[in-house]
């Protein structure tokens, strides 16, 4: 797991079942495989997105860690829950993570920051970004298929 999004909220979503309700309300593609509590400090999440398996991990972290990672960002004080959401490096993994993060924020409100942009996003901003990624996914899939076809077709020397 090497990509991550951070969620800053005043409350935590208690279970994958509750989280799935938020995902479904937004009509996103990610599906949690297991019904489990999210109360542990680190939770491995098996999911599927676009009918492909995805591995994610939700881990409690600290606001101090975020401030150290993103020194130029003005984080709010007194955030009760800070989680890192990690995922496997696939197109589906990225889409699932952004959809899951947006749904999480849609349920409990708060802020999101990813390591790509390094900017705080509101729930509406996170949902908008997840929808944009969902819309762009078919183009990315075609581009990846074309690249792979060229690699396979290239004669080996």
C-alpha atoms as a PDB file:
ATOM      1  CA  UNK A   1       0.000   0.000   0.000  1.00  0.00           C
ATOM      2  CA  UNK A   2       1.633   3.203  -1.020  1.00  0.00           C
ATOM      3  CA  UNK A   3      -0.933   5.867  -1.838  1.00  0.00           C
ATOM      4  CA  UNK A   4      -2.822   7.686   0.878  1.00  0.00           C
ATOM      5  CA  UNK A   5      -5.591  10.103   1.723  1.00  0.00           C
ATOM      6  CA  UNK A   6      -6.066  11.623   5.165  1.00  0.00           C
ATOM      7  CA  UNK A   7      -9.501  12.154   6.710  1.00  0.00           C
ATOM      8  CA  UNK A   8      -9.998  14.749   9.462  1.00  0.00           C
ATOM      9  CA  UNK A   9     -13.353  14.432  11.207  1.00  0.00           C
ATOM     10  CA  UNK A  10     -15.002  15.069  14.554  1.00  0.00           C
ATOM     11  CA  UNK A  11     -16.496  11.588  14.637  1.00  0.00           C
ATOM     12  CA  UNK A  12     -15.664   8.207  13.131  1.00  0.00           C
ATOM     13  CA  UNK A  13     -17.768   5.957  10.930  1.00  0.00           C
ATOM     14  CA  UNK A  14     -18.227   2.857  13.132  1.00  0.00           C
ATOM     15  CA  UNK A  15     -18.462  -0.004  10.609  1.00  0.00           C
ATOM     16  CA  UNK A  16     -17.986  -0.878   6.962  1.00  0.00           C
ATOM     17  CA  UNK A  17     -21.756  -1.392   6.788  1.00  0.00           C
ATOM     18  CA  UNK A  18     -22.355   2.238   7.794  1.00  0.00           C
ATOM     19  CA  UNK A  19     -19.631   3.359   5.386  1.00  0.00           C
ATOM     20  CA  UNK A  20     -21.261   1.355   2.574  1.00  0.00           C
ATOM     21  CA  UNK A  21     -24.529   3.227   3.202  1.00  0.00           C
ATOM     22  CA  UNK A  22     -22.654   6.457   2.453  1.00  0.00           C
ATOM     23  CA  UNK A  23     -21.073   4.946  -0.666  1.00  0.00           C
ATOM     24  CA  UNK A  24     -24.446   3.711  -1.913  1.00  0.00           C
ATOM     25  CA  UNK A  25     -26.102   7.080  -1.263  1.00  0.00           C
ATOM     26  CA  UNK A  26     -23.597   8.634  -3.675  1.00  0.00           C
ATOM     27  CA  UNK A  27     -24.034   5.789  -6.208  1.00  0.00           C
ATOM     28  CA  UNK A  28     -20.301   5.041  -6.181  1.00  0.00           C
ATOM     29  CA  UNK A  29     -18.759   1.780  -7.399  1.00  0.00           C
ATOM     30  CA  UNK A  30     -16.739   0.693  -4.361  1.00  0.00           C
ATOM     31  CA  UNK A  31     -18.108  -2.276  -2.378  1.00  0.00           C
ATOM     32  CA  UNK A  32     -16.715  -3.423   0.952  1.00  0.00           C
ATOM     33  CA  UNK A  33     -16.383  -7.207   1.014  1.00  0.00           C
ATOM     34  CA  UNK A  34     -16.362  -7.756   4.774  1.00  0.00           C
ATOM     35  CA  UNK A  35     -18.714  -6.468   7.439  1.00  0.00           C
ATOM     36  CA  UNK A  36     -16.423  -5.209  10.156  1.00  0.00           C
ATOM     37  CA  UNK A  37     -15.867  -2.644  12.855  1.00  0.00           C
ATOM     38  CA  UNK A  38     -13.650   0.340  12.102  1.00  0.00           C
ATOM     39  CA  UNK A  39     -12.854   0.999  15.755  1.00  0.00           C
ATOM     40  CA  UNK A  40      -9.386  -0.608  15.787  1.00  0.00           C
ATOM     41  CA  UNK A  41      -6.330   1.558  15.223  1.00  0.00           C
ATOM     42  CA  UNK A  42      -5.622  -0.214  11.944  1.00  0.00           C
ATOM     43  CA  UNK A  43      -8.221  -1.989   9.800  1.00  0.00           C
ATOM     44  CA  UNK A  44      -7.552  -3.861   6.576  1.00  0.00           C
ATOM     45  CA  UNK A  45     -10.378  -3.384   4.104  1.00  0.00           C
ATOM     46  CA  UNK A  46     -11.115  -5.805   1.308  1.00  0.00           C
ATOM     47  CA  UNK A  47     -13.242  -4.166  -1.340  1.00  0.00           C
ATOM     48  CA  UNK A  48     -14.152  -4.304  -5.002  1.00  0.00           C
ATOM     49  CA  UNK A  49     -14.420  -1.517  -7.537  1.00  0.00           C
ATOM     50  CA  UNK A  50     -15.570  -2.037 -11.096  1.00  0.00           C
ATOM     51  CA  UNK A  51     -15.698  -5.763 -10.218  1.00  0.00           C
ATOM     52  CA  UNK A  52     -11.962  -5.838  -9.477  1.00  0.00           C
ATOM     53  CA  UNK A  53     -10.475  -6.554  -6.050  1.00  0.00           C
ATOM     54  CA  UNK A  54      -9.050  -3.654  -4.107  1.00  0.00           C
ATOM     55  CA  UNK A  55      -7.123  -3.633  -0.851  1.00  0.00           C
ATOM     56  CA  UNK A  56      -7.325  -0.628   1.425  1.00  0.00           C
ATOM     57  CA  UNK A  57      -6.288   0.074   4.982  1.00  0.00           C
ATOM     58  CA  UNK A  58      -7.717   2.595   7.417  1.00  0.00           C
ATOM     59  CA  UNK A  59      -5.299   3.664  10.131  1.00  0.00           C
ATOM     60  CA  UNK A  60      -5.643   6.145  12.959  1.00  0.00           C
ATOM     61  CA  UNK A  61      -2.958   8.775  12.915  1.00  0.00           C
ATOM     62  CA  UNK A  62      -2.358  12.158  14.497  1.00  0.00           C
ATOM     63  CA  UNK A  63      -2.875  15.753  13.507  1.00  0.00           C
ATOM     64  CA  UNK A  64       0.760  16.357  14.494  1.00  0.00           C
ATOM     65  CA  UNK A  65       1.857  13.864  11.812  1.00  0.00           C
ATOM     66  CA  UNK A  66      -0.202  15.691   9.191  1.00  0.00           C
ATOM     67  CA  UNK A  67       1.202  19.033  10.205  1.00  0.00           C
ATOM     68  CA  UNK A  68       4.701  17.605   9.818  1.00  0.00           C
ATOM     69  CA  UNK A  69       3.857  16.017   6.433  1.00  0.00           C
ATOM     70  CA  UNK A  70       2.112  19.142   5.110  1.00  0.00           C
ATOM     71  CA  UNK A  71       3.831  22.083   6.865  1.00  0.00           C
ATOM     72  CA  UNK A  72       2.249  24.712   4.591  1.00  0.00           C
ATOM     73  CA  UNK A  73      -1.358  23.627   5.188  1.00  0.00           C
ATOM     74  CA  UNK A  74      -3.461  25.410   7.808  1.00  0.00           C
ATOM     75  CA  UNK A  75      -5.158  22.504   9.555  1.00  0.00           C
ATOM     76  CA  UNK A  76      -7.999  23.171  11.974  1.00  0.00           C
ATOM     77  CA  UNK A  77      -7.293  22.748  15.678  1.00  0.00           C
ATOM     78  CA  UNK A  78      -9.004  20.141  17.786  1.00  0.00           C
ATOM     79  CA  UNK A  79      -9.919  17.536  15.197  1.00  0.00           C
ATOM     80  CA  UNK A  80     -11.134  14.459  17.096  1.00  0.00           C
ATOM     81  CA  UNK A  81     -10.397  11.787  14.463  1.00  0.00           C
ATOM     82  CA  UNK A  82      -7.563  11.643  11.958  1.00  0.00           C
ATOM     83  CA  UNK A  83      -7.319   8.600   9.697  1.00  0.00           C
ATOM     84  CA  UNK A  84      -5.006   7.636   6.866  1.00  0.00           C
ATOM     85  CA  UNK A  85      -6.636   5.648   4.063  1.00  0.00           C
ATOM     86  CA  UNK A  86      -4.089   3.617   2.082  1.00  0.00           C
ATOM     87  CA  UNK A  87      -4.754   1.607  -1.079  1.00  0.00           C
ATOM     88  CA  UNK A  88      -3.071  -0.635  -3.593  1.00  0.00           C
ATOM     89  CA  UNK A  89      -1.608   1.134  -6.607  1.00  0.00           C
ATOM     90  CA  UNK A  90      -4.102   0.270  -9.325  1.00  0.00           C
ATOM     91  CA  UNK A  91      -6.579   2.403 -11.243  1.00  0.00           C
ATOM     92  CA  UNK A  92      -9.425   0.689  -9.408  1.00  0.00           C
ATOM     93  CA  UNK A  93      -7.627   1.076  -6.077  1.00  0.00           C
ATOM     94  CA  UNK A  94      -7.312   4.820  -6.544  1.00  0.00           C
ATOM     95  CA  UNK A  95     -10.910   5.199  -7.659  1.00  0.00           C
ATOM     96  CA  UNK A  96     -12.158   3.081  -4.753  1.00  0.00           C
ATOM     97  CA  UNK A  97     -10.141   5.088  -2.235  1.00  0.00           C
ATOM     98  CA  UNK A  98     -11.331   8.482  -3.469  1.00  0.00           C
ATOM     99  CA  UNK A  99     -14.936   7.263  -3.613  1.00  0.00           C
ATOM    100  CA  UNK A 100     -14.649   5.724  -0.131  1.00  0.00           C
ATOM    101  CA  UNK A 101     -13.035   8.882   1.286  1.00  0.00           C
ATOM    102  CA  UNK A 102     -15.740  11.088  -0.224  1.00  0.00           C
ATOM    103  CA  UNK A 103     -18.470   8.838   1.178  1.00  0.00           C
ATOM    104  CA  UNK A 104     -16.810   8.845   4.623  1.00  0.00           C
ATOM    105  CA  UNK A 105     -16.803  12.639   4.656  1.00  0.00           C
ATOM    106  CA  UNK A 106     -20.361  12.687   3.355  1.00  0.00           C
ATOM    107  CA  UNK A 107     -21.408  10.706   6.427  1.00  0.00           C
ATOM    108  CA  UNK A 108     -19.534  12.496   9.217  1.00  0.00           C
ATOM    109  CA  UNK A 109     -18.369  15.776   7.634  1.00  0.00           C
ATOM    110  CA  UNK A 110     -14.831  16.970   7.968  1.00  0.00           C
ATOM    111  CA  UNK A 111     -11.900  17.493   5.643  1.00  0.00           C
ATOM    112  CA  UNK A 112      -9.734  15.406   3.336  1.00  0.00           C
ATOM    113  CA  UNK A 113      -6.180  15.905   2.126  1.00  0.00           C
ATOM    114  CA  UNK A 114      -4.312  13.688  -0.329  1.00  0.00           C
ATOM    115  CA  UNK A 115      -0.605  13.419  -0.978  1.00  0.00           C
ATOM    116  CA  UNK A 116      -1.069  14.354  -4.650  1.00  0.00           C
ATOM    117  CA  UNK A 117      -2.507  17.855  -4.270  1.00  0.00           C
ATOM    118  CA  UNK A 118      -1.755  18.551  -0.640  1.00  0.00           C
ATOM    119  CA  UNK A 119      -4.857  20.738  -0.318  1.00  0.00           C
ATOM    120  CA  UNK A 120      -7.728  20.426   2.131  1.00  0.00           C
ATOM    121  CA  UNK A 121     -11.043  19.431   0.591  1.00  0.00           C
ATOM    122  CA  UNK A 122     -14.519  19.744   2.083  1.00  0.00           C
ATOM    123  CA  UNK A 123     -17.010  16.879   1.728  1.00  0.00           C
ATOM    124  CA  UNK A 124     -18.460  18.557  -1.389  1.00  0.00           C
ATOM    125  CA  UNK A 125     -14.972  18.972  -2.864  1.00  0.00           C
ATOM    126  CA  UNK A 126     -14.104  15.348  -2.128  1.00  0.00           C
ATOM    127  CA  UNK A 127     -17.348  14.135  -3.708  1.00  0.00           C
ATOM    128  CA  UNK A 128     -16.764  16.324  -6.767  1.00  0.00           C
ATOM    129  CA  UNK A 129     -13.226  14.946  -7.144  1.00  0.00           C
ATOM    130  CA  UNK A 130     -14.437  11.339  -6.804  1.00  0.00           C
ATOM    131  CA  UNK A 131     -17.129  11.932  -9.435  1.00  0.00           C
ATOM    132  CA  UNK A 132     -14.546  13.487 -11.781  1.00  0.00           C
ATOM    133  CA  UNK A 133     -12.256  10.475 -11.330  1.00  0.00           C
ATOM    134  CA  UNK A 134     -15.190   8.132 -11.976  1.00  0.00           C
ATOM    135  CA  UNK A 135     -16.001   9.970 -15.217  1.00  0.00           C
ATOM    136  CA  UNK A 136     -12.354   9.861 -16.353  1.00  0.00           C
ATOM    137  CA  UNK A 137     -11.855   6.173 -15.558  1.00  0.00           C
ATOM    138  CA  UNK A 138     -12.959   4.804 -18.980  1.00  0.00           C
ATOM    139  CA  UNK A 139     -10.428   7.034 -20.757  1.00  0.00           C
ATOM    140  CA  UNK A 140      -7.661   5.893 -18.409  1.00  0.00           C
ATOM    141  CA  UNK A 141      -8.605   2.242 -18.896  1.00  0.00           C
ATOM    142  CA  UNK A 142      -8.418   2.603 -22.701  1.00  0.00           C
ATOM    143  CA  UNK A 143      -5.064   4.390 -22.475  1.00  0.00           C
ATOM    144  CA  UNK A 144      -3.642   1.678 -20.207  1.00  0.00           C
ATOM    145  CA  UNK A 145      -4.931  -1.072 -22.520  1.00  0.00           C
ATOM    146  CA  UNK A 146      -3.256   0.628 -25.504  1.00  0.00           C
ATOM    147  CA  UNK A 147       0.047   0.948 -23.646  1.00  0.00           C
ATOM    148  CA  UNK A 148      -0.056  -2.699 -22.577  1.00  0.00           C
ATOM    149  CA  UNK A 149      -0.925  -3.819 -26.119  1.00  0.00           C
ATOM    150  CA  UNK A 150       2.102  -1.927 -27.471  1.00  0.00           C
ATOM    151  CA  UNK A 151       4.369  -3.482 -24.866  1.00  0.00           C
ATOM    152  CA  UNK A 152       3.129  -6.999 -25.647  1.00  0.00           C
ATOM    153  CA  UNK A 153       3.352  -6.444 -29.413  1.00  0.00           C
ATOM    154  CA  UNK A 154       6.880  -5.042 -29.277  1.00  0.00           C
ATOM    155  CA  UNK A 155       9.400  -7.640 -30.458  1.00  0.00           C
ATOM    156  CA  UNK A 156      11.946  -8.678 -27.890  1.00  0.00           C
ATOM    157  CA  UNK A 157      15.570  -8.489 -28.815  1.00  0.00           C
END
